[in-house]
Amino acid sequence: MWKQLSKKYRERVKNLLPYAIACASGVLMGLTVAPVGAWFFAWVALAPLWVLVFTSPASPPLLGLAWGVGYHGVALSWITGIHPMNWLGVPWLPSLAITLFCWSFISLLGGLLLTLWGALMARWGGKKSGLRVLFGTAIWCGLESLWSAGPLWWSSLAYTQSPHNLVILHLGQLSGPNTVTAAIVAVNGLIAEAWINRHSRSSSSGQVVKQQLAIAISLFMTLHLLGFYLYSRPIAQPPAAALQVGIIQGNIPNEIKLIPQGLRRALAGYTTGYYNLVDQGVDAVLTPEAALPYFQRDLPNTSLVQAVKEKGVVAWVGAFGEQGTSYTNSLFTFTGKGEIFSRYDKTKLVPLGEYIPFEDILGGIIGRLSPLDAHQVPGKTNQIFDTPFGRAIVGICYDSAFPEIFRRQAATGGQFILSASNDAHYSPSMPFQHHALDIMRAIETDRWSVRATNTGYSAFVDPHGHTLWMSGYNTYATHAETIYKRETRTLYVRWGDWLTVVLLGLAGLLYQVIRLTHRRTGLTE
């Protein structure tokens, strides 16, 4: 009896082992981003999943799910920082339940992407190593493109390299973040195929393994050399294009943000910071997302806008816009006369935080976490943001995760980036990941970026992704730097994500060729 139980236990462990390995390698990929930042793991952490999909009797879709949950669960664990939600009046236990639901949901959603990848690879991957690398890379990039076109997106494989590997991030200038993603997947695929062939009974397997490893190393080095070429190009800084911008990090805790104490503190902090920066000779001042939690109609009476009228220096103010009976999370340009010159409305709203997905179903179960009673709506996708200094590219908080928002604005003439955020809801690793995304957007569009946040990390970033200055965390701060307006147009800005289209086209074409060949030779797939 004990021997039978022991045998059953060993078989159960043996059956579960592939899923455990897949999950562990996903966790390894999750360690590439903040707070650990072990970016180099990204170049090998996908290989175990690849090997298991083609060599293990385990289900490829479930292997993908295990890897995806491991990766996204670790990378997005910062969402647990929203607990406790006492600043919203949510009791401790419901707050914990909401937090666990959010964490589980985004982890499983990320796992779904890998579930599809595993299923498609098992179906269409074929048996030839070279084709599998092409198919695997194309499918991965296609799925990331599909996900990033939706409402919920954050952890592309590309962002595992930011902010540490600036050289490879410059490939984003060619075809956006999917260029970096393709590089990571392809290198992992070649390593995995070498491991698979290592156990082949073919007499030439040893030579094949050496060739595949050599190709993997050559590809890794070649792509980094190409990135280094783009990285090493000098940045033109003509005096006529110079613009001195100041940022104010107000450091207003969410617990008091909307009560009289917080409102007084915000008005005092941002008004004082504005005066200090004007005395330093700045051309404009940027404030964070919802720096002044007032509606547009109330802004002219605030002390900050009164200070703008007094000093005559432009201010970009985060506040709430009005759209009928709804409101928007907006950034306003106030001219030196205290008048609104332009407005940008946040395009990507945070699910559960700013709107409820499937509100008809979930609205009665989960209340909107936004403290405002009105209904928040997203901005239009075709916005432009003109300023007295020229056209700018704007991203408010969650917008930073969606490269197409920045690419489109750069293509329509945006000359520099203004990023306004409030990351006070989460643990400290999230603001650092958010900063890493803004670095990617600066490199991809070849633009200087100014980032103002409520509690950190505020920063100035040049077009090569160098962080010129970064604030502390949970501190009040003001800082001024000179940035430069730019009108360059990278391949990505001009043509968008053309690489994914090419990869999918080649994969589809080769798949059809293989099918036709099989039919003509009487072979079955």
Protein backbone atom coordinates (compact mmCIF):
# COMPACT_ATOMS: atom_id res chain seq x y z
CA MET A 1 0.00 0.00 0.00
CA TRP A 2 2.73 2.45 0.97
CA LYS A 3 4.62 1.61 -2.19
CA GLN A 4 1.50 2.28 -4.25
CA LEU A 5 0.93 5.62 -2.52
CA SER A 6 4.56 6.52 -2.99
CA LYS A 7 4.34 5.65 -6.68
CA LYS A 8 1.19 7.74 -7.14
CA TYR A 9 2.84 10.63 -5.31
CA ARG A 10 5.93 10.42 -7.53
CA GLU A 11 3.77 10.35 -10.65
CA ARG A 12 1.81 13.36 -9.44
CA VAL A 13 5.00 15.29 -8.73
CA LYS A 14 6.38 14.25 -12.11
CA ASN A 15 3.23 15.52 -13.83
CA LEU A 16 3.28 18.83 -11.97
CA LEU A 17 7.01 19.43 -12.36
CA PRO A 18 6.82 20.99 -15.87
CA TYR A 19 4.26 23.53 -14.66
CA ALA A 20 6.42 24.34 -11.63
CA ILE A 21 9.46 24.88 -13.86
CA ALA A 22 7.43 27.07 -16.22
CA CYS A 23 6.12 29.16 -13.32
CA ALA A 24 9.62 29.47 -11.82
CA SER A 25 11.07 30.70 -15.12
CA GLY A 26 8.21 33.22 -15.33
CA VAL A 27 9.10 34.41 -11.84
CA LEU A 28 12.70 34.76 -13.02
CA MET A 29 11.49 37.03 -15.82
CA GLY A 30 9.50 39.02 -13.26
CA LEU A 31 12.72 39.77 -11.37
CA THR A 32 14.02 41.77 -14.34
CA VAL A 33 11.99 44.85 -13.38
CA ALA A 34 11.89 46.99 -10.24
CA PRO A 35 12.44 46.44 -7.40
CA VAL A 36 15.08 43.79 -8.34
CA GLY A 37 16.02 45.03 -11.82
CA ALA A 38 17.94 41.91 -12.91
CA TRP A 39 17.41 42.79 -16.60
CA PHE A 40 19.90 40.20 -17.89
CA PHE A 41 17.58 37.33 -16.83
CA ALA A 42 15.26 38.32 -19.68
CA TRP A 43 17.64 36.83 -22.24
CA VAL A 44 17.31 33.29 -20.82
CA ALA A 45 14.13 33.23 -18.68
CA LEU A 46 11.80 32.38 -21.57
CA ALA A 47 13.89 29.45 -22.82
CA PRO A 48 12.61 26.90 -20.23
CA LEU A 49 8.99 27.52 -21.27
CA TRP A 50 9.96 27.13 -24.94
CA VAL A 51 11.69 23.81 -24.24
CA LEU A 52 8.76 22.48 -22.22
CA VAL A 53 6.19 23.39 -24.89
CA PHE A 54 7.94 21.14 -27.41
CA THR A 55 9.37 18.37 -25.23
CA SER A 56 7.03 17.93 -22.27
CA PRO A 57 3.82 15.88 -22.25
CA ALA A 58 2.25 18.73 -20.27
CA SER A 59 -0.38 20.95 -21.89
CA PRO A 60 1.30 23.83 -23.81
CA PRO A 61 -1.51 26.31 -23.02
CA LEU A 62 -1.31 25.50 -19.29
CA LEU A 63 2.47 25.77 -19.37
CA GLY A 64 2.05 29.21 -20.89
CA LEU A 65 -0.47 30.10 -18.21
CA ALA A 66 1.92 29.04 -15.45
CA TRP A 67 4.75 31.09 -16.95
CA GLY A 68 2.54 34.13 -17.51
CA VAL A 69 1.12 34.08 -13.99
CA GLY A 70 4.65 33.80 -12.58
CA TYR A 71 5.91 36.71 -14.68
CA HIS A 72 3.01 39.10 -14.35
CA GLY A 73 2.32 38.14 -10.75
CA VAL A 74 5.83 39.16 -9.71
CA ALA A 75 6.28 42.12 -12.07
CA LEU A 76 2.90 43.63 -11.13
CA SER A 77 3.00 42.79 -7.43
CA TRP A 78 3.22 46.52 -6.73
CA ILE A 79 -0.56 46.66 -7.08
CA THR A 80 -0.82 45.21 -3.58
CA GLY A 81 0.30 48.64 -2.40
CA ILE A 82 -3.27 49.93 -2.83
CA HIS A 83 -4.14 48.14 0.41
CA PRO A 84 -5.35 49.46 2.82
CA MET A 85 -7.73 51.85 1.04
CA ASN A 86 -8.52 53.90 4.11
CA TRP A 87 -8.07 57.06 2.09
CA LEU A 88 -11.20 56.03 0.18
CA GLY A 89 -13.09 55.00 3.28
CA VAL A 90 -12.93 51.30 2.31
CA PRO A 91 -12.80 49.01 5.41
CA TRP A 92 -9.69 46.87 5.89
CA LEU A 93 -11.17 43.49 4.93
CA PRO A 94 -12.99 44.65 1.75
CA SER A 95 -9.83 46.55 0.84
CA LEU A 96 -7.80 43.35 1.11
CA ALA A 97 -10.37 41.48 -0.99
CA ILE A 98 -10.31 44.14 -3.72
CA THR A 99 -6.50 44.16 -3.70
CA LEU A 100 -6.22 40.38 -4.03
CA PHE A 101 -8.85 40.43 -6.78
CA CYS A 102 -6.92 43.08 -8.73
CA TRP A 103 -3.61 41.23 -8.34
CA SER A 104 -5.13 37.89 -9.34
CA PHE A 105 -6.98 39.42 -12.26
CA ILE A 106 -4.00 41.14 -13.85
CA SER A 107 -1.79 38.08 -13.25
CA LEU A 108 -4.31 35.77 -14.89
CA LEU A 109 -4.86 38.22 -17.74
CA GLY A 110 -1.14 38.22 -18.41
CA GLY A 111 -1.22 34.44 -18.15
CA LEU A 112 -3.94 34.35 -20.79
CA LEU A 113 -1.57 35.98 -23.28
CA LEU A 114 0.94 33.19 -22.68
CA THR A 115 -1.81 30.57 -22.79
CA LEU A 116 -2.57 31.68 -26.34
CA TRP A 117 1.12 31.73 -27.22
CA GLY A 118 1.59 28.18 -25.95
CA ALA A 119 -1.47 26.94 -27.82
CA LEU A 120 -0.47 28.62 -31.08
CA MET A 121 3.10 27.39 -30.84
CA ALA A 122 1.94 23.82 -30.24
CA ARG A 123 -0.39 24.09 -33.24
CA TRP A 124 1.76 25.98 -35.73
CA GLY A 125 5.29 25.77 -34.39
CA GLY A 126 6.27 22.90 -36.64
CA LYS A 127 9.37 20.75 -36.20
CA LYS A 128 12.12 22.86 -37.76
CA SER A 129 14.07 24.99 -35.31
CA GLY A 130 14.51 28.02 -37.55
CA LEU A 131 10.83 28.18 -38.39
CA ARG A 132 9.87 27.76 -34.74
CA VAL A 133 11.99 30.75 -33.78
CA LEU A 134 10.30 32.85 -36.47
CA PHE A 135 6.82 31.64 -35.53
CA GLY A 136 7.42 32.06 -31.81
CA THR A 137 8.73 35.59 -32.22
CA ALA A 138 5.99 36.66 -34.61
CA ILE A 139 3.20 35.22 -32.47
CA TRP A 140 4.57 36.83 -29.32
CA CYS A 141 4.86 40.26 -30.94
CA GLY A 142 1.41 39.89 -32.47
CA LEU A 143 -0.13 39.06 -29.11
CA GLU A 144 1.62 41.98 -27.39
CA SER A 145 0.34 44.30 -30.10
CA LEU A 146 -3.16 42.95 -29.63
CA TRP A 147 -3.02 43.36 -25.85
CA SER A 148 -1.54 46.87 -25.99
CA ALA A 149 -4.42 47.97 -28.23
CA GLY A 150 -6.84 47.15 -25.41
CA PRO A 151 -7.59 48.91 -22.12
CA LEU A 152 -5.25 46.94 -19.82
CA TRP A 153 -1.53 46.73 -20.57
CA TRP A 154 1.76 47.22 -18.77
CA SER A 155 4.40 44.50 -18.78
CA SER A 156 5.75 44.06 -22.29
CA LEU A 157 8.93 42.00 -22.45
CA ALA A 158 10.64 45.14 -23.76
CA TYR A 159 10.30 46.98 -20.47
CA THR A 160 12.40 44.32 -18.72
CA GLN A 161 15.41 46.20 -20.16
CA SER A 162 14.48 49.64 -18.85
CA PRO A 163 16.13 51.65 -17.41
CA HIS A 164 19.34 49.60 -17.23
CA ASN A 165 20.01 48.45 -20.81
CA LEU A 166 19.63 51.72 -22.69
CA VAL A 167 21.61 50.37 -25.64
CA ILE A 168 19.08 47.68 -26.58
CA LEU A 169 16.17 50.04 -25.88
CA HIS A 170 17.32 52.14 -28.82
CA LEU A 171 16.01 49.43 -31.12
CA GLY A 172 12.65 50.92 -30.18
CA GLN A 173 13.47 53.79 -32.54
CA LEU A 174 13.15 51.34 -35.43
CA SER A 175 9.75 49.79 -34.77
CA GLY A 176 8.76 50.56 -31.19
CA PRO A 177 8.97 48.32 -28.11
CA ASN A 178 8.13 45.20 -30.11
CA THR A 179 11.58 45.46 -31.68
CA VAL A 180 13.12 44.85 -28.26
CA THR A 181 10.53 42.17 -27.49
CA ALA A 182 11.34 40.39 -30.75
CA ALA A 183 15.05 40.45 -29.90
CA ILE A 184 14.44 38.89 -26.47
CA VAL A 185 12.10 36.19 -27.78
CA ALA A 186 14.38 35.28 -30.69
CA VAL A 187 17.48 34.91 -28.51
CA ASN A 188 15.56 32.81 -25.98
CA GLY A 189 14.14 30.71 -28.80
CA LEU A 190 17.57 29.96 -30.26
CA ILE A 191 18.90 28.96 -26.84
CA ALA A 192 15.87 26.73 -26.28
CA GLU A 193 16.22 25.08 -29.68
CA ALA A 194 19.88 24.36 -28.94
CA TRP A 195 18.83 22.66 -25.69
CA ILE A 196 16.15 20.63 -27.50
CA ASN A 197 18.63 19.49 -30.17
CA ARG A 198 21.17 18.63 -27.47
CA HIS A 199 19.01 15.63 -26.61
CA SER A 200 18.40 14.66 -30.22
CA ARG A 201 19.56 11.23 -31.35
CA SER A 202 20.73 12.65 -34.67
CA SER A 203 24.43 12.20 -35.41
CA SER A 204 24.70 15.85 -36.33
CA SER A 205 22.93 17.14 -33.22
CA GLY A 206 26.19 18.33 -31.61
CA GLN A 207 27.04 20.46 -34.60
CA VAL A 208 23.50 21.86 -34.76
CA VAL A 209 23.64 22.82 -31.08
CA LYS A 210 26.90 24.70 -31.59
CA GLN A 211 25.48 26.50 -34.62
CA GLN A 212 22.32 27.56 -32.80
CA LEU A 213 24.23 28.81 -29.77
CA ALA A 214 26.59 30.69 -32.06
CA ILE A 215 23.62 32.27 -33.85
CA ALA A 216 22.05 33.22 -30.50
CA ILE A 217 25.27 34.87 -29.31
CA SER A 218 25.81 36.58 -32.68
CA LEU A 219 22.24 37.88 -32.72
CA PHE A 220 22.55 39.17 -29.17
CA MET A 221 25.80 40.98 -29.97
CA THR A 222 24.66 42.30 -33.36
CA LEU A 223 21.47 43.77 -31.95
CA HIS A 224 23.39 45.43 -29.13
CA LEU A 225 25.88 46.85 -31.62
CA LEU A 226 23.02 48.27 -33.66
CA GLY A 227 21.50 49.71 -30.50
CA PHE A 228 24.88 51.17 -29.55
CA TYR A 229 25.12 52.88 -32.94
CA LEU A 230 21.78 54.57 -32.35
CA TYR A 231 22.68 55.27 -28.72
CA SER A 232 25.99 56.92 -29.57
CA ARG A 233 24.61 59.48 -32.03
CA PRO A 234 25.04 63.02 -30.66
CA ILE A 235 21.98 64.98 -29.56
CA ALA A 236 21.73 68.40 -31.18
CA GLN A 237 21.15 71.13 -28.59
CA PRO A 238 20.77 74.44 -30.48
CA PRO A 239 20.20 77.42 -28.17
CA ALA A 240 17.10 78.43 -30.14
CA ALA A 241 15.45 75.14 -29.21
CA ALA A 242 16.22 75.41 -25.50
CA LEU A 243 13.38 75.46 -22.98
CA GLN A 244 13.90 75.67 -19.24
CA VAL A 245 11.19 73.75 -17.44
CA GLY A 246 10.56 73.42 -13.74
CA ILE A 247 8.62 70.62 -12.02
CA ILE A 248 6.86 70.59 -8.66
CA GLN A 249 6.39 67.34 -6.75
CA GLY A 250 3.68 68.26 -4.26
CA ASN A 251 3.82 65.11 -2.09
CA ILE A 252 0.16 65.20 -1.06
CA PRO A 253 -0.83 61.83 0.46
CA ASN A 254 -3.98 60.35 -1.03
CA GLU A 255 -5.44 60.07 2.46
CA ILE A 256 -5.83 63.85 2.64
CA LYS A 257 -5.85 64.81 -1.04
CA LEU A 258 -9.56 65.65 -1.23
CA ILE A 259 -10.24 66.98 2.26
CA PRO A 260 -9.70 70.61 3.30
CA GLN A 261 -6.30 69.85 4.85
CA GLY A 262 -5.03 68.32 1.61
CA LEU A 263 -6.50 71.06 -0.58
CA ARG A 264 -4.82 73.76 1.50
CA ARG A 265 -1.52 71.89 1.41
CA ALA A 266 -1.74 71.44 -2.38
CA LEU A 267 -2.50 75.11 -3.02
CA ALA A 268 0.30 76.24 -0.72
CA GLY A 269 2.87 73.74 -2.03
CA TYR A 270 2.25 74.28 -5.72
CA THR A 271 1.93 78.05 -5.44
CA THR A 272 5.14 78.36 -3.40
CA GLY A 273 6.94 75.98 -5.75
CA TYR A 274 5.79 78.01 -8.75
CA TYR A 275 7.16 81.23 -7.26
CA ASN A 276 10.50 79.56 -6.45
CA LEU A 277 10.91 78.18 -9.95
CA VAL A 278 9.95 81.47 -11.60
CA ASP A 279 12.65 83.15 -9.52
CA GLN A 280 15.11 80.66 -11.03
CA GLY A 281 14.20 81.90 -14.51
CA VAL A 282 12.20 78.97 -15.89
CA ASP A 283 10.11 79.33 -19.03
CA ALA A 284 7.34 77.03 -17.78
CA VAL A 285 6.30 74.91 -14.80
CA LEU A 286 4.81 71.40 -14.88
CA THR A 287 2.65 69.99 -12.07
CA PRO A 288 1.57 66.34 -11.57
CA GLU A 289 -1.63 64.58 -12.46
CA ALA A 290 -4.58 66.15 -10.57
CA ALA A 291 -2.18 68.40 -8.70
CA LEU A 292 -5.12 70.68 -8.00
CA PRO A 293 -8.19 68.45 -7.53
CA TYR A 294 -10.55 71.13 -8.83
CA PHE A 295 -12.82 71.28 -11.81
CA GLN A 296 -11.84 73.52 -14.71
CA ARG A 297 -14.39 76.20 -13.81
CA ASP A 298 -12.83 76.63 -10.36
CA LEU A 299 -9.18 76.85 -11.41
CA PRO A 300 -9.04 80.62 -12.19
CA ASN A 301 -9.79 81.37 -8.53
CA THR A 302 -6.97 79.23 -7.15
CA SER A 303 -3.81 80.82 -5.74
CA LEU A 304 -1.65 78.97 -8.30
CA VAL A 305 -3.43 80.45 -11.32
CA GLN A 306 -3.42 83.85 -9.63
CA ALA A 307 0.35 83.48 -9.28
CA VAL A 308 0.58 82.65 -13.00
CA LYS A 309 -1.27 85.87 -13.82
CA GLU A 310 1.06 87.79 -11.52
CA LYS A 311 4.36 86.37 -12.80
CA GLY A 312 3.40 85.77 -16.44
CA VAL A 313 5.17 82.39 -16.71
CA VAL A 314 3.36 79.45 -18.33
CA ALA A 315 2.14 76.63 -16.09
CA TRP A 316 0.90 73.17 -17.01
CA VAL A 317 -1.62 72.30 -14.33
CA GLY A 318 -3.10 68.88 -13.60
CA ALA A 319 -6.81 69.15 -12.71
CA PHE A 320 -10.26 67.89 -13.76
CA GLY A 321 -11.83 68.85 -17.06
CA GLU A 322 -15.55 68.90 -17.67
CA GLN A 323 -17.38 67.06 -20.42
CA GLY A 324 -21.13 67.44 -20.03
CA THR A 325 -22.14 65.70 -16.82
CA SER A 326 -18.87 63.73 -16.77
CA TYR A 327 -15.30 64.75 -16.03
CA THR A 328 -11.83 64.08 -17.42
CA ASN A 329 -8.40 63.78 -15.85
CA SER A 330 -6.68 66.63 -17.67
CA LEU A 331 -3.56 68.75 -18.08
CA PHE A 332 -4.13 72.44 -18.84
CA THR A 333 -1.77 74.99 -20.34
CA PHE A 334 -2.20 78.33 -18.54
CA THR A 335 -0.60 81.28 -20.32
CA GLY A 336 1.02 84.18 -18.53
CA LYS A 337 -2.35 85.93 -18.55
CA GLY A 338 -3.90 83.10 -16.54
CA GLU A 339 -5.95 81.87 -19.50
CA ILE A 340 -6.32 78.28 -20.69
CA PHE A 341 -4.41 77.82 -23.94
CA SER A 342 -4.81 74.04 -24.42
CA ARG A 343 -6.03 70.91 -22.69
CA TYR A 344 -5.16 67.23 -22.85
CA ASP A 345 -7.48 64.58 -21.41
CA LYS A 346 -6.09 61.30 -20.13
CA THR A 347 -6.72 58.63 -22.75
CA LYS A 348 -6.18 55.38 -20.86
CA LEU A 349 -8.17 55.08 -17.64
CA VAL A 350 -7.21 52.66 -14.89
CA PRO A 351 -9.72 49.78 -14.59
CA LEU A 352 -11.40 49.74 -11.17
CA GLY A 353 -9.48 52.89 -10.25
CA GLU A 354 -11.12 55.25 -12.75
CA TYR A 355 -13.82 53.13 -14.31
CA ILE A 356 -15.45 49.73 -13.79
CA PRO A 357 -15.13 47.20 -16.62
CA PHE A 358 -18.49 45.59 -17.38
CA GLU A 359 -20.07 48.15 -15.09
CA ASP A 360 -23.59 46.76 -15.60
CA ILE A 361 -22.42 43.48 -14.08
CA LEU A 362 -19.73 44.52 -11.60
CA GLY A 363 -20.99 47.95 -10.64
CA GLY A 364 -23.19 46.59 -7.87
CA ILE A 365 -20.39 44.43 -6.47
CA ILE A 366 -17.32 46.65 -6.72
CA GLY A 367 -17.72 50.38 -6.21
CA ARG A 368 -15.58 52.71 -8.28
CA LEU A 369 -12.37 53.48 -6.42
CA SER A 370 -12.34 57.06 -7.67
CA PRO A 371 -13.25 59.41 -4.82
CA LEU A 372 -15.31 61.64 -7.10
CA ASP A 373 -19.01 61.02 -7.54
CA ALA A 374 -19.11 62.08 -11.18
CA HIS A 375 -18.42 59.67 -14.02
CA GLN A 376 -14.90 59.84 -15.47
CA VAL A 377 -14.50 59.49 -19.22
CA PRO A 378 -11.37 59.03 -21.38
CA GLY A 379 -9.97 61.60 -23.75
CA LYS A 380 -10.06 61.21 -27.52
CA THR A 381 -7.27 59.33 -29.26
CA ASN A 382 -6.51 62.12 -31.76
CA GLN A 383 -5.68 64.92 -29.31
CA ILE A 384 -2.94 67.45 -29.96
CA PHE A 385 -1.47 69.72 -27.29
CA ASP A 386 -0.21 73.07 -28.48
CA THR A 387 1.68 75.35 -26.12
CA PRO A 388 3.19 78.85 -26.42
CA PHE A 389 6.51 77.09 -27.12
CA GLY A 390 5.26 74.71 -29.80
CA ARG A 391 3.44 71.41 -29.85
CA ALA A 392 4.05 68.96 -26.99
CA ILE A 393 3.50 65.24 -26.44
CA VAL A 394 1.46 64.55 -23.30
CA GLY A 395 0.89 61.43 -21.26
CA ILE A 396 -1.06 61.31 -18.02
CA CYS A 397 -0.19 58.41 -15.70
CA TYR A 398 -1.40 55.14 -17.29
CA ASP A 399 -0.93 56.60 -20.79
CA SER A 400 2.81 55.89 -20.38
CA ALA A 401 2.23 52.17 -20.86
CA PHE A 402 0.83 52.67 -24.36
CA PRO A 403 3.56 53.67 -26.85
CA GLU A 404 1.15 54.41 -29.68
CA ILE A 405 -0.22 57.43 -27.77
CA PHE A 406 3.24 59.01 -27.77
CA ARG A 407 4.13 57.90 -31.30
CA ARG A 408 1.01 59.47 -32.77
CA GLN A 409 1.62 62.79 -31.02
CA ALA A 410 5.25 62.81 -32.17
CA ALA A 411 4.10 62.10 -35.73
CA THR A 412 1.76 65.11 -35.57
CA GLY A 413 4.55 67.47 -34.54
CA GLY A 414 5.11 67.00 -30.81
CA GLN A 415 8.54 68.38 -29.92
CA PHE A 416 8.97 67.36 -26.26
CA ILE A 417 7.21 65.12 -23.74
CA LEU A 418 5.24 66.21 -20.68
CA SER A 419 4.35 63.32 -18.37
CA ALA A 420 2.14 63.94 -15.32
CA SER A 421 1.35 61.18 -12.83
CA ASN A 422 0.14 60.32 -9.36
CA ASP A 423 1.56 56.96 -8.25
CA ALA A 424 0.84 57.41 -4.55
CA HIS A 425 -1.63 54.50 -4.51
CA TYR A 426 1.01 51.81 -4.95
CA SER A 427 4.24 50.38 -3.52
CA PRO A 428 7.55 52.13 -4.39
CA SER A 429 8.47 49.70 -7.17
CA MET A 430 5.56 50.86 -9.31
CA PRO A 431 6.75 54.50 -9.68
CA PHE A 432 10.16 53.22 -10.70
CA GLN A 433 8.59 50.94 -13.33
CA HIS A 434 6.50 53.91 -14.46
CA HIS A 435 9.66 55.96 -14.87
CA ALA A 436 11.17 53.09 -16.86
CA LEU A 437 8.22 53.24 -19.28
CA ASP A 438 8.68 56.99 -19.73
CA ILE A 439 12.34 56.37 -20.55
CA MET A 440 11.25 54.02 -23.33
CA ARG A 441 8.80 56.59 -24.72
CA ALA A 442 11.58 59.24 -24.77
CA ILE A 443 13.95 56.93 -26.68
CA GLU A 444 11.33 55.68 -29.16
CA THR A 445 10.23 59.20 -30.12
CA ASP A 446 13.72 60.76 -29.77
CA ARG A 447 12.37 63.44 -27.44
CA TRP A 448 13.30 65.10 -24.16
CA SER A 449 10.88 64.16 -21.40
CA VAL A 450 9.76 66.02 -18.30
CA ARG A 451 8.04 63.89 -15.67
CA ALA A 452 6.15 65.43 -12.72
CA THR A 453 4.57 63.16 -10.11
CA ASN A 454 2.77 63.66 -6.84
CA THR A 455 5.01 61.58 -4.56
CA GLY A 456 7.82 60.39 -6.89
CA TYR A 457 9.61 59.67 -9.00
CA SER A 458 9.72 62.97 -10.89
CA ALA A 459 12.51 63.23 -13.43
CA PHE A 460 14.07 64.76 -16.54
CA VAL A 461 15.11 62.35 -19.31
CA ASP A 462 17.06 63.05 -22.49
CA PRO A 463 16.37 61.38 -25.90
CA HIS A 464 18.96 58.67 -25.17
CA GLY A 465 17.13 57.67 -21.99
CA HIS A 466 19.58 59.18 -19.53
CA THR A 467 17.90 60.34 -16.34
CA LEU A 468 19.39 63.79 -15.76
CA TRP A 469 17.69 64.23 -12.39
CA MET A 470 15.30 62.17 -10.30
CA SER A 471 13.42 63.19 -7.19
CA GLY A 472 13.28 61.36 -3.92
CA TYR A 473 10.26 59.32 -2.95
CA ASN A 474 7.50 60.66 -0.71
CA THR A 475 9.19 64.04 -0.55
CA TYR A 476 8.29 67.56 -1.63
CA ALA A 477 10.58 68.72 -4.42
CA THR A 478 11.09 71.36 -7.08
CA HIS A 479 13.68 71.24 -9.82
CA ALA A 480 14.52 72.99 -13.09
CA GLU A 481 16.38 71.69 -16.14
CA THR A 482 16.92 72.81 -19.71
CA ILE A 483 15.39 70.59 -22.37
CA TYR A 484 15.42 71.02 -26.14
CA LYS A 485 12.59 70.92 -28.63
CA ARG A 486 13.16 68.37 -31.39
CA GLU A 487 11.55 67.71 -34.75
CA THR A 488 13.32 64.46 -35.68
CA ARG A 489 11.22 61.51 -36.83
CA THR A 490 12.43 58.01 -36.02
CA LEU A 491 11.40 55.07 -38.20
CA TYR A 492 8.96 54.10 -35.48
CA VAL A 493 7.38 57.55 -35.45
CA ARG A 494 7.05 57.47 -39.24
CA TRP A 495 5.89 53.91 -39.84
CA GLY A 496 4.70 52.57 -36.49
CA ASP A 497 5.20 48.93 -35.56
CA TRP A 498 6.06 47.69 -39.04
CA LEU A 499 8.30 44.87 -37.74
CA THR A 500 5.41 42.91 -36.22
CA VAL A 501 3.54 43.13 -39.52
CA VAL A 502 6.59 41.82 -41.39
CA LEU A 503 7.16 38.99 -38.90
CA LEU A 504 3.52 37.89 -39.01
CA GLY A 505 3.51 38.12 -42.80
CA LEU A 506 6.64 35.98 -43.13
CA ALA A 507 5.34 33.45 -40.62
CA GLY A 508 2.00 33.20 -42.40
CA LEU A 509 3.66 32.88 -45.80
CA LEU A 510 6.04 30.15 -44.66
CA TYR A 511 3.23 28.28 -42.94
CA GLN A 512 1.25 28.22 -46.20
CA VAL A 513 4.33 27.11 -48.14
CA ILE A 514 4.86 24.24 -45.70
CA ARG A 515 1.22 23.18 -45.98
CA LEU A 516 1.37 23.19 -49.77
CA THR A 517 4.62 21.21 -49.71
CA HIS A 518 3.08 18.61 -47.42
CA ARG A 519 0.07 18.25 -49.69
CA ARG A 520 2.21 17.80 -52.80
CA THR A 521 4.45 15.21 -51.19
CA GLY A 522 1.54 13.40 -49.56
CA LEU A 523 2.85 14.09 -46.06
CA THR A 524 0.62 14.88 -43.12
CA GLU A 525 1.26 17.67 -40.69
